[in-house]
Structure formats: structure tokens, C-alpha cells
Amino acid sequence: MTVISTSGAPIPAGHYSQGIVHNGVIYVAGQLAIDPDNPESPRGDADAQTRQALHNVASILRAAGSNLSHVLQMTVYVTDMSLWHDVNAAYADIMGEHRPSRAIVPIGPLKSDFVIEIQAIAAIP
């Protein structure tokens, strides 16, 4: 196993890695809408948070030699299903024609004012 760490995504706040590579697959830890260059910046609405969380996922994938077009599966955690339309629209815009398997999981509150968290599993070409 190889631990993936990049300055292009937020530094883990707990006892976990940004990503782990094993047997040609990268497992990306859940990513919040934290701008790694300005961690205290405002979080924004569901659209902005989805875009930032996916940007963080993409940065970790790049550090492992992969990218969003190689995502096999994503899990999207959302604090309020009424946000789903905005989350899905931003997700579709960024993911384009690539449609990995996906689960949407409604959850309770996340820390601070976050409304979404995204984790991913991707192949490394």
C-alpha cells in the first residue's frame, strides 16, 4: 500500500490519509469543501461546496497518477436532500460524460457549515 499526500487538497484533520493506493486502485478519503490554499475561506452554497470537494478529490487522484475520468465509484454525503438538485448539477458539470457508480447518502450535520462530503475509488491507468 502507498499513502498519497498532496498540498492540492486539505491536510487531514484526523488519523487518516488523503488517499491510499493498493493494487492499481486509489481510495480517496471523504473530502469537504476546504480550499487548501485558504482553509478559513467561506464555504459557499451546495454548488460551490460540491465543486470544491470534487476539486480536492481530483487533486488527490492526480497525485496518485489518476484523474476523475478513472473514477469507479463515488459516495456523496449530503446533510439535506433539498440540496440534491444543486449538488447533482455541479457534479454532472464537472464529471461530464463519465458516469461512475455512485451512492447518495443523506446524513446528519457535518462539522462547521459543510453540507457535502465526497469520497471516491478510482483506477490508476
C-alpha atoms as a PDB file:
ATOM      1  CA  MET A   1       0.000   0.000   0.000  1.00  0.00           C
ATOM      2  CA  THR A   2       1.098   3.543  -0.750  1.00  0.00           C
ATOM      3  CA  VAL A   3      -0.076   6.622   1.149  1.00  0.00           C
ATOM      4  CA  ILE A   4      -0.980   9.582  -1.071  1.00  0.00           C
ATOM      5  CA  SER A   5      -0.465  13.099   0.204  1.00  0.00           C
ATOM      6  CA  THR A   6      -0.699  16.340  -1.752  1.00  0.00           C
ATOM      7  CA  SER A   7      -0.763  20.028  -0.913  1.00  0.00           C
ATOM      8  CA  GLY A   8      -3.515  20.334  -3.554  1.00  0.00           C
ATOM      9  CA  ALA A   9      -6.067  19.026  -1.063  1.00  0.00           C
ATOM     10  CA  PRO A  10      -6.719  19.794   2.606  1.00  0.00           C
ATOM     11  CA  ILE A  11      -4.368  18.304   5.166  1.00  0.00           C
ATOM     12  CA  PRO A  12      -6.217  15.569   7.092  1.00  0.00           C
ATOM     13  CA  ALA A  13      -7.573  16.827  10.402  1.00  0.00           C
ATOM     14  CA  GLY A  14      -7.679  13.353  11.923  1.00  0.00           C
ATOM     15  CA  HIS A  15      -5.936   9.995  11.884  1.00  0.00           C
ATOM     16  CA  TYR A  16      -6.353   9.169   8.182  1.00  0.00           C
ATOM     17  CA  SER A  17      -4.657   9.646   4.806  1.00  0.00           C
ATOM     18  CA  GLN A  18      -5.896  11.698   1.860  1.00  0.00           C
ATOM     19  CA  GLY A  19      -5.674   8.554  -0.206  1.00  0.00           C
ATOM     20  CA  ILE A  20      -4.323   5.016  -0.259  1.00  0.00           C
ATOM     21  CA  VAL A  21      -3.195   3.122  -3.366  1.00  0.00           C
ATOM     22  CA  HIS A  22      -3.450  -0.662  -3.426  1.00  0.00           C
ATOM     23  CA  ASN A  23      -3.268  -2.983  -6.428  1.00  0.00           C
ATOM     24  CA  GLY A  24      -3.760  -0.214  -9.006  1.00  0.00           C
ATOM     25  CA  VAL A  25      -6.707   1.387  -7.222  1.00  0.00           C
ATOM     26  CA  ILE A  26      -6.771   4.699  -5.325  1.00  0.00           C
ATOM     27  CA  TYR A  27      -9.139   5.045  -2.361  1.00  0.00           C
ATOM     28  CA  VAL A  28      -9.770   8.734  -1.665  1.00  0.00           C
ATOM     29  CA  ALA A  29     -10.871   9.768   1.834  1.00  0.00           C
ATOM     30  CA  GLY A  30     -14.009  11.864   2.181  1.00  0.00           C
ATOM     31  CA  GLN A  31     -13.346  15.421   1.064  1.00  0.00           C
ATOM     32  CA  LEU A  32     -15.053  18.514   2.387  1.00  0.00           C
ATOM     33  CA  ALA A  33     -15.221  21.890   0.637  1.00  0.00           C
ATOM     34  CA  ILE A  34     -11.988  23.159   2.149  1.00  0.00           C
ATOM     35  CA  ASP A  35      -9.793  25.285  -0.094  1.00  0.00           C
ATOM     36  CA  PRO A  36      -6.277  24.013   0.705  1.00  0.00           C
ATOM     37  CA  ASP A  37      -4.823  27.436  -0.152  1.00  0.00           C
ATOM     38  CA  ASN A  38      -7.259  29.268   2.128  1.00  0.00           C
ATOM     39  CA  PRO A  39      -8.756  26.810   4.663  1.00  0.00           C
ATOM     40  CA  GLU A  40     -10.693  29.521   6.509  1.00  0.00           C
ATOM     41  CA  SER A  41     -12.443  30.883   3.398  1.00  0.00           C
ATOM     42  CA  PRO A  42     -16.260  30.895   3.322  1.00  0.00           C
ATOM     43  CA  ARG A  43     -17.717  27.528   2.318  1.00  0.00           C
ATOM     44  CA  GLY A  44     -20.366  28.795  -0.095  1.00  0.00           C
ATOM     45  CA  ASP A  45     -23.604  27.139  -1.171  1.00  0.00           C
ATOM     46  CA  ALA A  46     -24.131  23.489  -2.160  1.00  0.00           C
ATOM     47  CA  ASP A  47     -22.932  24.150  -5.719  1.00  0.00           C
ATOM     48  CA  ALA A  48     -19.688  25.771  -4.560  1.00  0.00           C
ATOM     49  CA  GLN A  49     -19.092  23.097  -1.928  1.00  0.00           C
ATOM     50  CA  THR A  50     -19.621  20.298  -4.448  1.00  0.00           C
ATOM     51  CA  ARG A  51     -17.153  21.903  -6.852  1.00  0.00           C
ATOM     52  CA  GLN A  52     -14.501  22.390  -4.154  1.00  0.00           C
ATOM     53  CA  ALA A  53     -14.923  18.878  -2.758  1.00  0.00           C
ATOM     54  CA  LEU A  54     -14.569  17.414  -6.279  1.00  0.00           C
ATOM     55  CA  HIS A  55     -11.539  19.642  -6.885  1.00  0.00           C
ATOM     56  CA  ASN A  56      -9.968  18.156  -3.747  1.00  0.00           C
ATOM     57  CA  VAL A  57     -10.797  14.618  -4.905  1.00  0.00           C
ATOM     58  CA  ALA A  58      -9.272  15.388  -8.327  1.00  0.00           C
ATOM     59  CA  SER A  59      -6.074  16.718  -6.726  1.00  0.00           C
ATOM     60  CA  ILE A  60      -5.611  13.523  -4.736  1.00  0.00           C
ATOM     61  CA  LEU A  61      -6.317  11.412  -7.810  1.00  0.00           C
ATOM     62  CA  ARG A  62      -3.673  13.356  -9.790  1.00  0.00           C
ATOM     63  CA  ALA A  63      -1.141  12.832  -7.011  1.00  0.00           C
ATOM     64  CA  ALA A  64      -1.745   9.087  -7.383  1.00  0.00           C
ATOM     65  CA  GLY A  65      -1.446   9.163 -11.193  1.00  0.00           C
ATOM     66  CA  SER A  66      -5.183   9.024 -11.894  1.00  0.00           C
ATOM     67  CA  ASN A  67      -7.980  11.507 -12.632  1.00  0.00           C
ATOM     68  CA  LEU A  68     -11.740  11.940 -12.489  1.00  0.00           C
ATOM     69  CA  SER A  69     -12.256  10.009 -15.739  1.00  0.00           C
ATOM     70  CA  HIS A  70     -10.956   6.882 -13.989  1.00  0.00           C
ATOM     71  CA  VAL A  71     -13.332   7.056 -11.020  1.00  0.00           C
ATOM     72  CA  LEU A  72     -15.067   3.742 -10.485  1.00  0.00           C
ATOM     73  CA  GLN A  73     -17.327   4.737  -7.605  1.00  0.00           C
ATOM     74  CA  MET A  74     -18.200   7.858  -5.612  1.00  0.00           C
ATOM     75  CA  THR A  75     -20.102   8.275  -2.394  1.00  0.00           C
ATOM     76  CA  VAL A  76     -21.711  11.664  -1.865  1.00  0.00           C
ATOM     77  CA  TYR A  77     -22.826  12.521   1.656  1.00  0.00           C
ATOM     78  CA  VAL A  78     -25.298  15.399   1.881  1.00  0.00           C
ATOM     79  CA  THR A  79     -26.784  16.963   5.005  1.00  0.00           C
ATOM     80  CA  ASP A  80     -30.092  17.945   3.414  1.00  0.00           C
ATOM     81  CA  MET A  81     -31.720  16.222   0.439  1.00  0.00           C
ATOM     82  CA  SER A  82     -33.302  19.533  -0.586  1.00  0.00           C
ATOM     83  CA  LEU A  83     -29.789  20.471  -1.773  1.00  0.00           C
ATOM     84  CA  TRP A  84     -29.672  17.496  -4.110  1.00  0.00           C
ATOM     85  CA  HIS A  85     -30.559  19.367  -7.306  1.00  0.00           C
ATOM     86  CA  ASP A  86     -27.661  21.838  -6.858  1.00  0.00           C
ATOM     87  CA  VAL A  87     -25.247  19.073  -5.838  1.00  0.00           C
ATOM     88  CA  ASN A  88     -26.169  16.888  -8.799  1.00  0.00           C
ATOM     89  CA  ALA A  89     -25.961  19.782 -11.289  1.00  0.00           C
ATOM     90  CA  ALA A  90     -22.434  20.736 -10.144  1.00  0.00           C
ATOM     91  CA  TYR A  91     -21.406  17.065 -10.069  1.00  0.00           C
ATOM     92  CA  ALA A  92     -22.695  16.479 -13.635  1.00  0.00           C
ATOM     93  CA  ASP A  93     -20.969  19.645 -14.869  1.00  0.00           C
ATOM     94  CA  ILE A  94     -17.594  18.529 -13.509  1.00  0.00           C
ATOM     95  CA  MET A  95     -17.887  14.823 -14.303  1.00  0.00           C
ATOM     96  CA  GLY A  96     -19.186  15.417 -17.844  1.00  0.00           C
ATOM     97  CA  GLU A  97     -19.989  12.238 -19.762  1.00  0.00           C
ATOM     98  CA  HIS A  98     -18.192   9.993 -17.257  1.00  0.00           C
ATOM     99  CA  ARG A  99     -20.749   8.315 -15.010  1.00  0.00           C
ATOM    100  CA  PRO A 100     -19.136   6.179 -12.314  1.00  0.00           C
ATOM    101  CA  SER A 101     -21.299   4.198  -9.943  1.00  0.00           C
ATOM    102  CA  ARG A 102     -22.487   6.477  -7.163  1.00  0.00           C
ATOM    103  CA  ALA A 103     -24.291   6.438  -3.854  1.00  0.00           C
ATOM    104  CA  ILE A 104     -26.027   9.422  -2.282  1.00  0.00           C
ATOM    105  CA  VAL A 105     -26.203   9.180   1.473  1.00  0.00           C
ATOM    106  CA  PRO A 106     -28.275  11.638   3.497  1.00  0.00           C
ATOM    107  CA  ILE A 107     -26.553  12.323   6.812  1.00  0.00           C
ATOM    108  CA  GLY A 108     -26.788  14.497   9.876  1.00  0.00           C
ATOM    109  CA  PRO A 109     -24.764  17.670  10.280  1.00  0.00           C
ATOM    110  CA  LEU A 110     -21.112  17.803   9.268  1.00  0.00           C
ATOM    111  CA  LYS A 111     -18.598  19.910  11.151  1.00  0.00           C
ATOM    112  CA  SER A 112     -18.793  23.668  10.759  1.00  0.00           C
ATOM    113  CA  ASP A 113     -21.033  24.820   7.891  1.00  0.00           C
ATOM    114  CA  PHE A 114     -20.291  21.988   5.461  1.00  0.00           C
ATOM    115  CA  VAL A 115     -23.234  20.437   3.614  1.00  0.00           C
ATOM    116  CA  ILE A 116     -21.433  17.842   1.480  1.00  0.00           C
ATOM    117  CA  GLU A 117     -18.595  15.331   1.659  1.00  0.00           C
ATOM    118  CA  ILE A 118     -17.365  13.195  -1.247  1.00  0.00           C
ATOM    119  CA  GLN A 119     -15.191  10.095  -1.271  1.00  0.00           C
ATOM    120  CA  ALA A 120     -14.033   8.138  -4.318  1.00  0.00           C
ATOM    121  CA  ILE A 121     -12.472   4.944  -5.593  1.00  0.00           C
ATOM    122  CA  ALA A 122     -10.604   5.136  -8.904  1.00  0.00           C
ATOM    123  CA  ALA A 123      -8.404   3.027 -11.150  1.00  0.00           C
ATOM    124  CA  ILE A 124      -4.846   4.116 -11.815  1.00  0.00           C
ATOM    125  CA  PRO A 125      -4.216   3.741 -15.549  1.00  0.00           C
END
